[in-house]
Amino acid sequence: MSAIGWRRLSRRRVRVRRVLLAVLVFIFILPLAWTLLASLGLHPDTDVSHVKWTFPPTLRNYAEVGSVEPAFLKEMATSLAVSVTSTALTLSVSFLAAYALTRTRARKRNGRAQVFLILASLPVMAYVMPLNATLRALRIYDTFTGVCLAQTAVLAPLAVYVLSGYLRQVSLDFEEAARLDGATPVRVLLRLILPAHALSLAATGTMLFVLNWNSFLIPMMLTTSHVRTVPIAMSDFFISDRELEWPTAAAALIVSLLPLVTMIFAANRVLARFVLGGRTDV
């Protein structure tokens, strides 16, 4: 095939990829767009023989979120505090564990990394019973500290696996040279390893923040009333004796997504370079 033919073929492939990507984006965004319209009062009226859409749009449903769930803003603040704290703890513990795992001279260190992937794949319910007993024994059940530690315990295996994938890509020559120059292990870690992996830490932290924010089972099973996060508050809109108001529930969902959207946009450049287990582009 001539060079011109190859160019035409590559252009067709690019067009096909763009079309497929546009279709996938549309499919993923459609439920969110539907929720946004419902929060503005634009939703189909199924009480009539011919389904029609209610107009005009209104922000009244957002004002009603506070009346339906008076502590909603407090619950969002709690979710934010839990997510930030748990993400920081998970990153700290997981990075040290991943560093030790990738720098060990054992022959089966890659197999050990796979063990963390298996632990990360376990259902959350597998952790709930032992965590429940542990938190009660430590007398931190239904506390902010207990929820943060439980979230860290559940998400740490995944973070260790992801970070170990990054650390395996870096040559040990720089570390060995620094040690020959008299640098201590702590100095090597703080001055060399952490700056070199700032991008991977930021990307992993973003992923952990999203998982912490959306976590439902851990806060539900390990708390009663003192620590209420957004997912638990959202469940009140659907599990209640009162009649469900879909527009109000949709408005609450849109409000609860604002911190996530802000986080994703702020970390957009980091996420664009995020490659699982691969080398980052600086």
Foldseek 3Di string as FASTA:
>chain_A
DDPVVVVVVVVVVVVVVVVVVVVVVCVVCVVLVQLVCLLQQFDWDPPDPDIDTDDDGHNVLLVCLCVLPVCLVVQAVLLQVLLVLLLVVLLVVLLVVLVCLLPDPDPCSVVVLVVLVVLLPDDLVVLLVVLQVVCVVVVQFQHSVSLSVSLSVNCNSVSNSQNNLAVNVDDCPVVVVVVVVPDDPVCCCVVPVCVVCVLVSLLSSLVSSVCSLCDDPSCVRRHDPNRHHLVNVLVPLVDDPDDRDSNSSSSSVVVSCVVNVVSCVVCVVSNVQDDGSDYGDD
